[in-house]
């Protein structure tokens, strides 16, 4: 388990208070950075989605992409925070 920074924890909370839903691509990016940033389950230990679990495949592949890019958990937390800040500006935010 990776130590989560205060900024990362705040960004997780803030992501749930956006005034509008981000695009699917933005949501997948958030998901991937979150999974890599928390390491609740390491990617190598994650269960690969079934053949008809299309949503699961998209999420798995988004996570795999950043693992393949060698994004560390700390870097993923930083990228997650930056993305949430961008989304707050784009979609508005309920403080």
PDB file of N, CA and C in Angstrom:
ATOM      1  N   UNK A   1       0.850  -1.194   0.000  1.00  0.00           N
ATOM      2  CA  UNK A   1       0.000   0.000   0.000  1.00  0.00           C
ATOM      3  C   UNK A   1       0.886   1.245   0.000  1.00  0.00           C
ATOM      4  N   UNK A   2       0.513   2.187  -0.785  1.00  0.00           N
ATOM      5  CA  UNK A   2       1.272   3.419  -0.961  1.00  0.00           C
ATOM      6  C   UNK A   2       0.716   4.495  -0.023  1.00  0.00           C
ATOM      7  N   UNK A   3       1.607   5.321   0.507  1.00  0.00           N
ATOM      8  CA  UNK A   3       1.176   6.440   1.347  1.00  0.00           C
ATOM      9  C   UNK A   3       0.521   7.489   0.452  1.00  0.00           C
ATOM     10  N   UNK A   4      -0.676   7.897   0.831  1.00  0.00           N
ATOM     11  CA  UNK A   4      -1.409   8.880   0.049  1.00  0.00           C
ATOM     12  C   UNK A   4      -1.158  10.280   0.617  1.00  0.00           C
ATOM     13  N   UNK A   5      -0.803  11.208  -0.252  1.00  0.00           N
ATOM     14  CA  UNK A   5      -0.555  12.585   0.184  1.00  0.00           C
ATOM     15  C   UNK A   5      -1.881  13.265   0.522  1.00  0.00           C
ATOM     16  N   UNK A   6      -1.792  14.327   1.302  1.00  0.00           N
ATOM     17  CA  UNK A   6      -2.986  15.096   1.665  1.00  0.00           C
ATOM     18  C   UNK A   6      -3.636  15.685   0.416  1.00  0.00           C
ATOM     19  N   UNK A   7      -2.818  16.165  -0.524  1.00  0.00           N
ATOM     20  CA  UNK A   7      -3.358  16.738  -1.765  1.00  0.00           C
ATOM     21  C   UNK A   7      -4.116  15.677  -2.561  1.00  0.00           C
ATOM     22  N   UNK A   8      -3.579  14.463  -2.592  1.00  0.00           N
ATOM     23  CA  UNK A   8      -4.222  13.366  -3.312  1.00  0.00           C
ATOM     24  C   UNK A   8      -5.564  13.035  -2.666  1.00  0.00           C
ATOM     25  N   UNK A   9      -5.583  12.925  -1.351  1.00  0.00           N
ATOM     26  CA  UNK A   9      -6.833  12.624  -0.637  1.00  0.00           C
ATOM     27  C   UNK A   9      -7.871  13.717  -0.890  1.00  0.00           C
ATOM     28  N   UNK A  10      -7.434  14.983  -0.878  1.00  0.00           N
ATOM     29  CA  UNK A  10      -8.347  16.091  -1.132  1.00  0.00           C
ATOM     30  C   UNK A  10      -8.869  16.036  -2.565  1.00  0.00           C
ATOM     31  N   UNK A  11      -8.007  15.695  -3.506  1.00  0.00           N
ATOM     32  CA  UNK A  11      -8.415  15.595  -4.907  1.00  0.00           C
ATOM     33  C   UNK A  11      -9.456  14.490  -5.096  1.00  0.00           C
ATOM     34  N   UNK A  12      -9.319  13.401  -4.361  1.00  0.00           N
ATOM     35  CA  UNK A  12     -10.306  12.312  -4.438  1.00  0.00           C
ATOM     36  C   UNK A  12     -11.666  12.846  -3.995  1.00  0.00           C
ATOM     37  N   UNK A  13     -11.680  13.566  -2.891  1.00  0.00           N
ATOM     38  CA  UNK A  13     -12.920  14.165  -2.388  1.00  0.00           C
ATOM     39  C   UNK A  13     -13.474  15.167  -3.394  1.00  0.00           C
ATOM     40  N   UNK A  14     -12.603  16.039  -3.903  1.00  0.00           N
ATOM     41  CA  UNK A  14     -13.025  17.072  -4.843  1.00  0.00           C
ATOM     42  C   UNK A  14     -13.584  16.478  -6.138  1.00  0.00           C
ATOM     43  N   UNK A  15     -13.025  15.354  -6.576  1.00  0.00           N
ATOM     44  CA  UNK A  15     -13.468  14.749  -7.838  1.00  0.00           C
ATOM     45  C   UNK A  15     -14.935  14.346  -7.781  1.00  0.00           C
ATOM     46  N   UNK A  16     -15.440  14.113  -6.583  1.00  0.00           N
ATOM     47  CA  UNK A  16     -16.841  13.705  -6.410  1.00  0.00           C
ATOM     48  C   UNK A  16     -17.779  14.908  -6.342  1.00  0.00           C
ATOM     49  N   UNK A  17     -17.210  16.124  -6.371  1.00  0.00           N
ATOM     50  CA  UNK A  17     -18.013  17.336  -6.235  1.00  0.00           C
ATOM     51  C   UNK A  17     -18.015  18.194  -7.500  1.00  0.00           C
ATOM     52  N   UNK A  18     -17.619  17.609  -8.615  1.00  0.00           N
ATOM     53  CA  UNK A  18     -17.666  18.347  -9.880  1.00  0.00           C
ATOM     54  C   UNK A  18     -19.124  18.610 -10.242  1.00  0.00           C
ATOM     55  N   UNK A  19     -19.387  19.748 -10.861  1.00  0.00           N
ATOM     56  CA  UNK A  19     -20.767  20.116 -11.198  1.00  0.00           C
ATOM     57  C   UNK A  19     -21.303  19.349 -12.401  1.00  0.00           C
ATOM     58  N   UNK A  20     -20.415  18.843 -13.236  1.00  0.00           N
ATOM     59  CA  UNK A  20     -20.830  18.057 -14.406  1.00  0.00           C
ATOM     60  C   UNK A  20     -19.920  16.838 -14.521  1.00  0.00           C
ATOM     61  N   UNK A  21     -20.427  15.824 -15.200  1.00  0.00           N
ATOM     62  CA  UNK A  21     -19.659  14.593 -15.361  1.00  0.00           C
ATOM     63  C   UNK A  21     -18.593  14.771 -16.442  1.00  0.00           C
ATOM     64  N   UNK A  22     -17.351  14.425 -16.127  1.00  0.00           N
ATOM     65  CA  UNK A  22     -16.285  14.482 -17.144  1.00  0.00           C
ATOM     66  C   UNK A  22     -16.556  13.481 -18.275  1.00  0.00           C
ATOM     67  N   UNK A  23     -15.800  13.622 -19.361  1.00  0.00           N
ATOM     68  CA  UNK A  23     -15.927  12.686 -20.483  1.00  0.00           C
ATOM     69  C   UNK A  23     -15.470  11.297 -20.058  1.00  0.00           C
ATOM     70  N   UNK A  24     -15.840  10.306 -20.842  1.00  0.00           N
ATOM     71  CA  UNK A  24     -15.414   8.936 -20.545  1.00  0.00           C
ATOM     72  C   UNK A  24     -13.891   8.829 -20.520  1.00  0.00           C
ATOM     73  N   UNK A  25     -13.224   9.501 -21.471  1.00  0.00           N
ATOM     74  CA  UNK A  25     -11.759   9.454 -21.510  1.00  0.00           C
ATOM     75  C   UNK A  25     -11.154  10.070 -20.244  1.00  0.00           C
ATOM     76  N   UNK A  26     -11.731  11.183 -19.787  1.00  0.00           N
ATOM     77  CA  UNK A  26     -11.238  11.811 -18.559  1.00  0.00           C
ATOM     78  C   UNK A  26     -11.476  10.917 -17.350  1.00  0.00           C
ATOM     79  N   UNK A  27     -12.635  10.260 -17.327  1.00  0.00           N
ATOM     80  CA  UNK A  27     -12.925   9.341 -16.224  1.00  0.00           C
ATOM     81  C   UNK A  27     -11.967   8.157 -16.213  1.00  0.00           C
ATOM     82  N   UNK A  28     -11.639   7.647 -17.396  1.00  0.00           N
ATOM     83  CA  UNK A  28     -10.686   6.540 -17.476  1.00  0.00           C
ATOM     84  C   UNK A  28      -9.303   6.975 -16.997  1.00  0.00           C
ATOM     85  N   UNK A  29      -8.920   8.195 -17.353  1.00  0.00           N
ATOM     86  CA  UNK A  29      -7.630   8.722 -16.920  1.00  0.00           C
ATOM     87  C   UNK A  29      -7.607   8.880 -15.401  1.00  0.00           C
ATOM     88  N   UNK A  30      -8.689   9.412 -14.834  1.00  0.00           N
ATOM     89  CA  UNK A  30      -8.788   9.526 -13.377  1.00  0.00           C
ATOM     90  C   UNK A  30      -8.674   8.159 -12.722  1.00  0.00           C
ATOM     91  N   UNK A  31      -9.413   7.192 -13.264  1.00  0.00           N
ATOM     92  CA  UNK A  31      -9.401   5.836 -12.730  1.00  0.00           C
ATOM     93  C   UNK A  31      -7.981   5.262 -12.725  1.00  0.00           C
ATOM     94  N   UNK A  32      -7.299   5.394 -13.847  1.00  0.00           N
ATOM     95  CA  UNK A  32      -5.956   4.820 -13.977  1.00  0.00           C
ATOM     96  C   UNK A  32      -4.982   5.460 -12.985  1.00  0.00           C
ATOM     97  N   UNK A  33      -5.014   6.784 -12.882  1.00  0.00           N
ATOM     98  CA  UNK A  33      -4.127   7.460 -11.932  1.00  0.00           C
ATOM     99  C   UNK A  33      -4.478   7.087 -10.498  1.00  0.00           C
ATOM    100  N   UNK A  34      -5.775   6.947 -10.203  1.00  0.00           N
ATOM    101  CA  UNK A  34      -6.196   6.555  -8.867  1.00  0.00           C
ATOM    102  C   UNK A  34      -5.678   5.156  -8.527  1.00  0.00           C
ATOM    103  N   UNK A  35      -5.915   4.214  -9.426  1.00  0.00           N
ATOM    104  CA  UNK A  35      -5.485   2.831  -9.169  1.00  0.00           C
ATOM    105  C   UNK A  35      -3.974   2.737  -8.985  1.00  0.00           C
ATOM    106  N   UNK A  36      -3.232   3.432  -9.858  1.00  0.00           N
ATOM    107  CA  UNK A  36      -1.769   3.402  -9.757  1.00  0.00           C
ATOM    108  C   UNK A  36      -1.300   4.171  -8.519  1.00  0.00           C
ATOM    109  N   UNK A  37      -2.009   5.231  -8.172  1.00  0.00           N
ATOM    110  CA  UNK A  37      -1.622   6.059  -7.032  1.00  0.00           C
ATOM    111  C   UNK A  37      -1.892   5.422  -5.688  1.00  0.00           C
ATOM    112  N   UNK A  38      -2.898   4.552  -5.625  1.00  0.00           N
ATOM    113  CA  UNK A  38      -3.221   3.912  -4.346  1.00  0.00           C
ATOM    114  C   UNK A  38      -2.561   2.545  -4.204  1.00  0.00           C
ATOM    115  N   UNK A  39      -2.441   1.829  -5.294  1.00  0.00           N
ATOM    116  CA  UNK A  39      -1.868   0.476  -5.281  1.00  0.00           C
ATOM    117  C   UNK A  39      -2.581  -0.437  -4.278  1.00  0.00           C
ATOM    118  N   UNK A  40      -3.912  -0.239  -4.114  1.00  0.00           N
ATOM    119  CA  UNK A  40      -4.664  -1.147  -3.239  1.00  0.00           C
ATOM    120  C   UNK A  40      -4.462  -2.579  -3.722  1.00  0.00           C
ATOM    121  N   UNK A  41      -4.458  -2.730  -5.023  1.00  0.00           N
ATOM    122  CA  UNK A  41      -4.069  -3.970  -5.686  1.00  0.00           C
ATOM    123  C   UNK A  41      -3.021  -3.571  -6.706  1.00  0.00           C
ATOM    124  N   UNK A  42      -1.912  -4.267  -6.726  1.00  0.00           N
ATOM    125  CA  UNK A  42      -0.904  -3.970  -7.742  1.00  0.00           C
ATOM    126  C   UNK A  42      -1.445  -4.438  -9.091  1.00  0.00           C
ATOM    127  N   UNK A  43      -1.058  -3.742 -10.149  1.00  0.00           N
ATOM    128  CA  UNK A  43      -1.552  -4.079 -11.481  1.00  0.00           C
ATOM    129  C   UNK A  43      -1.286  -5.549 -11.807  1.00  0.00           C
ATOM    130  N   UNK A  44      -0.102  -6.013 -11.445  1.00  0.00           N
ATOM    131  CA  UNK A  44       0.280  -7.395 -11.755  1.00  0.00           C
ATOM    132  C   UNK A  44      -0.660  -8.408 -11.087  1.00  0.00           C
ATOM    133  N   UNK A  45      -1.288  -8.003  -9.976  1.00  0.00           N
ATOM    134  CA  UNK A  45      -2.174  -8.896  -9.231  1.00  0.00           C
ATOM    135  C   UNK A  45      -3.649  -8.678  -9.568  1.00  0.00           C
ATOM    136  N   UNK A  46      -3.939  -7.683 -10.401  1.00  0.00           N
ATOM    137  CA  UNK A  46      -5.323  -7.365 -10.748  1.00  0.00           C
ATOM    138  C   UNK A  46      -5.910  -8.463 -11.636  1.00  0.00           C
ATOM    139  N   UNK A  47      -7.169  -8.736 -11.420  1.00  0.00           N
ATOM    140  CA  UNK A  47      -7.870  -9.730 -12.228  1.00  0.00           C
ATOM    141  C   UNK A  47      -8.193  -9.118 -13.588  1.00  0.00           C
ATOM    142  N   UNK A  48      -7.835  -9.840 -14.633  1.00  0.00           N
ATOM    143  CA  UNK A  48      -8.126  -9.362 -15.988  1.00  0.00           C
ATOM    144  C   UNK A  48      -9.627  -9.545 -16.237  1.00  0.00           C
ATOM    145  N   UNK A  49     -10.279  -8.508 -16.803  1.00  0.00           N
ATOM    146  CA  UNK A  49     -11.727  -8.607 -17.025  1.00  0.00           C
ATOM    147  C   UNK A  49     -12.093  -9.684 -18.043  1.00  0.00           C
ATOM    148  N   UNK A  50     -13.316 -10.194 -17.913  1.00  0.00           N
ATOM    149  CA  UNK A  50     -13.802 -11.231 -18.813  1.00  0.00           C
ATOM    150  C   UNK A  50     -14.065 -10.697 -20.216  1.00  0.00           C
ATOM    151  N   UNK A  51     -14.332 -11.607 -21.122  1.00  0.00           N
ATOM    152  CA  UNK A  51     -14.503 -11.276 -22.538  1.00  0.00           C
ATOM    153  C   UNK A  51     -15.647 -10.289 -22.793  1.00  0.00           C
ATOM    154  N   UNK A  52     -16.688 -10.354 -21.987  1.00  0.00           N
ATOM    155  CA  UNK A  52     -17.846  -9.494 -22.229  1.00  0.00           C
ATOM    156  C   UNK A  52     -17.946  -8.333 -21.245  1.00  0.00           C
ATOM    157  N   UNK A  53     -16.919  -8.151 -20.435  1.00  0.00           N
ATOM    158  CA  UNK A  53     -16.871  -7.032 -19.484  1.00  0.00           C
ATOM    159  C   UNK A  53     -16.179  -5.853 -20.180  1.00  0.00           C
ATOM    160  N   UNK A  54     -16.924  -5.190 -21.053  1.00  0.00           N
ATOM    161  CA  UNK A  54     -16.331  -4.124 -21.866  1.00  0.00           C
ATOM    162  C   UNK A  54     -15.883  -2.934 -21.023  1.00  0.00           C
ATOM    163  N   UNK A  55     -16.696  -2.539 -20.053  1.00  0.00           N
ATOM    164  CA  UNK A  55     -16.328  -1.434 -19.172  1.00  0.00           C
ATOM    165  C   UNK A  55     -15.060  -1.791 -18.391  1.00  0.00           C
ATOM    166  N   UNK A  56     -15.017  -3.012 -17.885  1.00  0.00           N
ATOM    167  CA  UNK A  56     -13.845  -3.479 -17.150  1.00  0.00           C
ATOM    168  C   UNK A  56     -12.595  -3.480 -18.016  1.00  0.00           C
ATOM    169  N   UNK A  57     -12.752  -3.851 -19.278  1.00  0.00           N
ATOM    170  CA  UNK A  57     -11.609  -3.861 -20.203  1.00  0.00           C
ATOM    171  C   UNK A  57     -11.063  -2.449 -20.425  1.00  0.00           C
ATOM    172  N   UNK A  58     -11.974  -1.480 -20.616  1.00  0.00           N
ATOM    173  CA  UNK A  58     -11.537  -0.095 -20.801  1.00  0.00           C
ATOM    174  C   UNK A  58     -10.753   0.390 -19.584  1.00  0.00           C
ATOM    175  N   UNK A  59     -11.267   0.084 -18.404  1.00  0.00           N
ATOM    176  CA  UNK A  59     -10.607   0.516 -17.171  1.00  0.00           C
ATOM    177  C   UNK A  59      -9.246  -0.180 -17.019  1.00  0.00           C
ATOM    178  N   UNK A  60      -9.232  -1.484 -17.260  1.00  0.00           N
ATOM    179  CA  UNK A  60      -7.996  -2.263 -17.150  1.00  0.00           C
ATOM    180  C   UNK A  60      -6.943  -1.735 -18.126  1.00  0.00           C
ATOM    181  N   UNK A  61      -7.361  -1.473 -19.365  1.00  0.00           N
ATOM    182  CA  UNK A  61      -6.424  -0.994 -20.388  1.00  0.00           C
ATOM    183  C   UNK A  61      -5.913   0.414 -20.084  1.00  0.00           C
ATOM    184  N   UNK A  62      -6.763   1.258 -19.492  1.00  0.00           N
ATOM    185  CA  UNK A  62      -6.320   2.604 -19.109  1.00  0.00           C
ATOM    186  C   UNK A  62      -5.238   2.503 -18.031  1.00  0.00           C
ATOM    187  N   UNK A  63      -5.457   1.623 -17.073  1.00  0.00           N
ATOM    188  CA  UNK A  63      -4.468   1.414 -16.012  1.00  0.00           C
ATOM    189  C   UNK A  63      -3.192   0.818 -16.589  1.00  0.00           C
ATOM    190  N   UNK A  64      -3.351  -0.183 -17.471  1.00  0.00           N
ATOM    191  CA  UNK A  64      -2.192  -0.835 -18.091  1.00  0.00           C
ATOM    192  C   UNK A  64      -1.338   0.179 -18.854  1.00  0.00           C
ATOM    193  N   UNK A  65      -1.995   1.131 -19.521  1.00  0.00           N
ATOM    194  CA  UNK A  65      -1.270   2.137 -20.301  1.00  0.00           C
ATOM    195  C   UNK A  65      -0.303   2.928 -19.416  1.00  0.00           C
ATOM    196  N   UNK A  66      -0.758   3.370 -18.248  1.00  0.00           N
ATOM    197  CA  UNK A  66       0.155   4.153 -17.406  1.00  0.00           C
ATOM    198  C   UNK A  66       1.193   3.274 -16.716  1.00  0.00           C
ATOM    199  N   UNK A  67       0.859   2.012 -16.473  1.00  0.00           N
ATOM    200  CA  UNK A  67       1.860   1.074 -15.940  1.00  0.00           C
ATOM    201  C   UNK A  67       2.951   0.872 -16.988  1.00  0.00           C
ATOM    202  N   UNK A  68       2.533   0.696 -18.245  1.00  0.00           N
ATOM    203  CA  UNK A  68       3.490   0.516 -19.339  1.00  0.00           C
ATOM    204  C   UNK A  68       4.365   1.757 -19.541  1.00  0.00           C
ATOM    205  N   UNK A  69       3.800   2.930 -19.212  1.00  0.00           N
ATOM    206  CA  UNK A  69       4.566   4.174 -19.314  1.00  0.00           C
ATOM    207  C   UNK A  69       5.475   4.392 -18.098  1.00  0.00           C
ATOM    208  N   UNK A  70       5.464   3.412 -17.190  1.00  0.00           N
ATOM    209  CA  UNK A  70       6.317   3.437 -15.984  1.00  0.00           C
ATOM    210  C   UNK A  70       5.983   4.598 -15.045  1.00  0.00           C
ATOM    211  N   UNK A  71       4.692   4.958 -14.962  1.00  0.00           N
ATOM    212  CA  UNK A  71       4.262   6.008 -14.036  1.00  0.00           C
ATOM    213  C   UNK A  71       4.280   5.413 -12.625  1.00  0.00           C
ATOM    214  N   UNK A  72       5.071   6.013 -11.755  1.00  0.00           N
ATOM    215  CA  UNK A  72       5.182   5.529 -10.375  1.00  0.00           C
ATOM    216  C   UNK A  72       3.918   5.901  -9.591  1.00  0.00           C
ATOM    217  N   UNK A  73       3.670   5.244  -8.462  1.00  0.00           N
ATOM    218  CA  UNK A  73       2.518   5.641  -7.641  1.00  0.00           C
ATOM    219  C   UNK A  73       2.566   7.114  -7.228  1.00  0.00           C
ATOM    220  N   UNK A  74       3.736   7.615  -6.850  1.00  0.00           N
ATOM    221  CA  UNK A  74       3.849   9.029  -6.468  1.00  0.00           C
ATOM    222  C   UNK A  74       3.531   9.944  -7.646  1.00  0.00           C
ATOM    223  N   UNK A  75       4.044   9.610  -8.817  1.00  0.00           N
ATOM    224  CA  UNK A  75       3.768  10.407 -10.017  1.00  0.00           C
ATOM    225  C   UNK A  75       2.283  10.332 -10.376  1.00  0.00           C
ATOM    226  N   UNK A  76       1.673   9.169 -10.191  1.00  0.00           N
ATOM    227  CA  UNK A  76       0.247   9.006 -10.487  1.00  0.00           C
ATOM    228  C   UNK A  76      -0.587   9.889  -9.563  1.00  0.00           C
ATOM    229  N   UNK A  77      -0.195   9.983  -8.299  1.00  0.00           N
ATOM    230  CA  UNK A  77      -0.919  10.854  -7.369  1.00  0.00           C
ATOM    231  C   UNK A  77      -0.816  12.312  -7.824  1.00  0.00           C
ATOM    232  N   UNK A  78       0.380  12.725  -8.224  1.00  0.00           N
ATOM    233  CA  UNK A  78       0.590  14.100  -8.689  1.00  0.00           C
ATOM    234  C   UNK A  78      -0.240  14.375  -9.941  1.00  0.00           C
ATOM    235  N   UNK A  79      -0.255  13.425 -10.871  1.00  0.00           N
ATOM    236  CA  UNK A  79      -1.022  13.588 -12.103  1.00  0.00           C
ATOM    237  C   UNK A  79      -2.529  13.596 -11.816  1.00  0.00           C
ATOM    238  N   UNK A  80      -2.953  12.803 -10.856  1.00  0.00           N
ATOM    239  CA  UNK A  80      -4.363  12.771 -10.463  1.00  0.00           C
ATOM    240  C   UNK A  80      -4.790  14.137  -9.930  1.00  0.00           C
ATOM    241  N   UNK A  81      -3.978  14.701  -9.032  1.00  0.00           N
ATOM    242  CA  UNK A  81      -4.275  16.011  -8.458  1.00  0.00           C
ATOM    243  C   UNK A  81      -4.365  17.059  -9.566  1.00  0.00           C
ATOM    244  N   UNK A  82      -3.412  17.054 -10.485  1.00  0.00           N
ATOM    245  CA  UNK A  82      -3.404  18.029 -11.583  1.00  0.00           C
ATOM    246  C   UNK A  82      -4.646  17.863 -12.461  1.00  0.00           C
ATOM    247  N   UNK A  83      -5.025  16.627 -12.748  1.00  0.00           N
ATOM    248  CA  UNK A  83      -6.204  16.387 -13.583  1.00  0.00           C
ATOM    249  C   UNK A  83      -7.472  16.857 -12.881  1.00  0.00           C
ATOM    250  N   UNK A  84      -7.600  16.598 -11.593  1.00  0.00           N
ATOM    251  CA  UNK A  84      -8.785  17.048 -10.858  1.00  0.00           C
ATOM    252  C   UNK A  84      -8.858  18.577 -10.871  1.00  0.00           C
ATOM    253  N   UNK A  85      -7.725  19.243 -10.698  1.00  0.00           N
ATOM    254  CA  UNK A  85      -7.706  20.713 -10.742  1.00  0.00           C
ATOM    255  C   UNK A  85      -8.175  21.214 -12.112  1.00  0.00           C
ATOM    256  N   UNK A  86      -7.726  20.554 -13.167  1.00  0.00           N
ATOM    257  CA  UNK A  86      -8.145  20.924 -14.527  1.00  0.00           C
ATOM    258  C   UNK A  86      -9.649  20.705 -14.695  1.00  0.00           C
ATOM    259  N   UNK A  87     -10.152  19.580 -14.196  1.00  0.00           N
ATOM    260  CA  UNK A  87     -11.571  19.265 -14.322  1.00  0.00           C
ATOM    261  C   UNK A  87     -12.431  20.238 -13.517  1.00  0.00           C
ATOM    262  N   UNK A  88     -11.923  20.693 -12.375  1.00  0.00           N
ATOM    263  CA  UNK A  88     -12.653  21.674 -11.566  1.00  0.00           C
ATOM    264  C   UNK A  88     -12.840  22.969 -12.347  1.00  0.00           C
ATOM    265  N   UNK A  89     -11.828  23.361 -13.096  1.00  0.00           N
ATOM    266  CA  UNK A  89     -11.917  24.575 -13.921  1.00  0.00           C
ATOM    267  C   UNK A  89     -12.845  24.367 -15.111  1.00  0.00           C
ATOM    268  N   UNK A  90     -12.807  23.177 -15.678  1.00  0.00           N
ATOM    269  CA  UNK A  90     -13.617  22.867 -16.853  1.00  0.00           C
ATOM    270  C   UNK A  90     -15.104  22.686 -16.516  1.00  0.00           C
ATOM    271  N   UNK A  91     -15.401  21.951 -15.458  1.00  0.00           N
ATOM    272  CA  UNK A  91     -16.776  21.552 -15.154  1.00  0.00           C
ATOM    273  C   UNK A  91     -17.394  22.281 -13.970  1.00  0.00           C
ATOM    274  N   UNK A  92     -16.621  23.067 -13.265  1.00  0.00           N
ATOM    275  CA  UNK A  92     -17.136  23.711 -12.068  1.00  0.00           C
ATOM    276  C   UNK A  92     -17.039  22.761 -10.891  1.00  0.00           C
ATOM    277  N   UNK A  93     -17.188  23.330  -9.714  1.00  0.00           N
ATOM    278  CA  UNK A  93     -16.908  22.571  -8.510  1.00  0.00           C
ATOM    279  C   UNK A  93     -17.770  23.086  -7.357  1.00  0.00           C
ATOM    280  N   UNK A  94     -18.359  22.181  -6.617  1.00  0.00           N
ATOM    281  CA  UNK A  94     -19.159  22.538  -5.438  1.00  0.00           C
ATOM    282  C   UNK A  94     -18.259  22.415  -4.210  1.00  0.00           C
ATOM    283  N   UNK A  95     -17.760  23.541  -3.736  1.00  0.00           N
ATOM    284  CA  UNK A  95     -16.816  23.527  -2.599  1.00  0.00           C
ATOM    285  C   UNK A  95     -17.470  23.032  -1.324  1.00  0.00           C
TER     286      UNK A  95
END
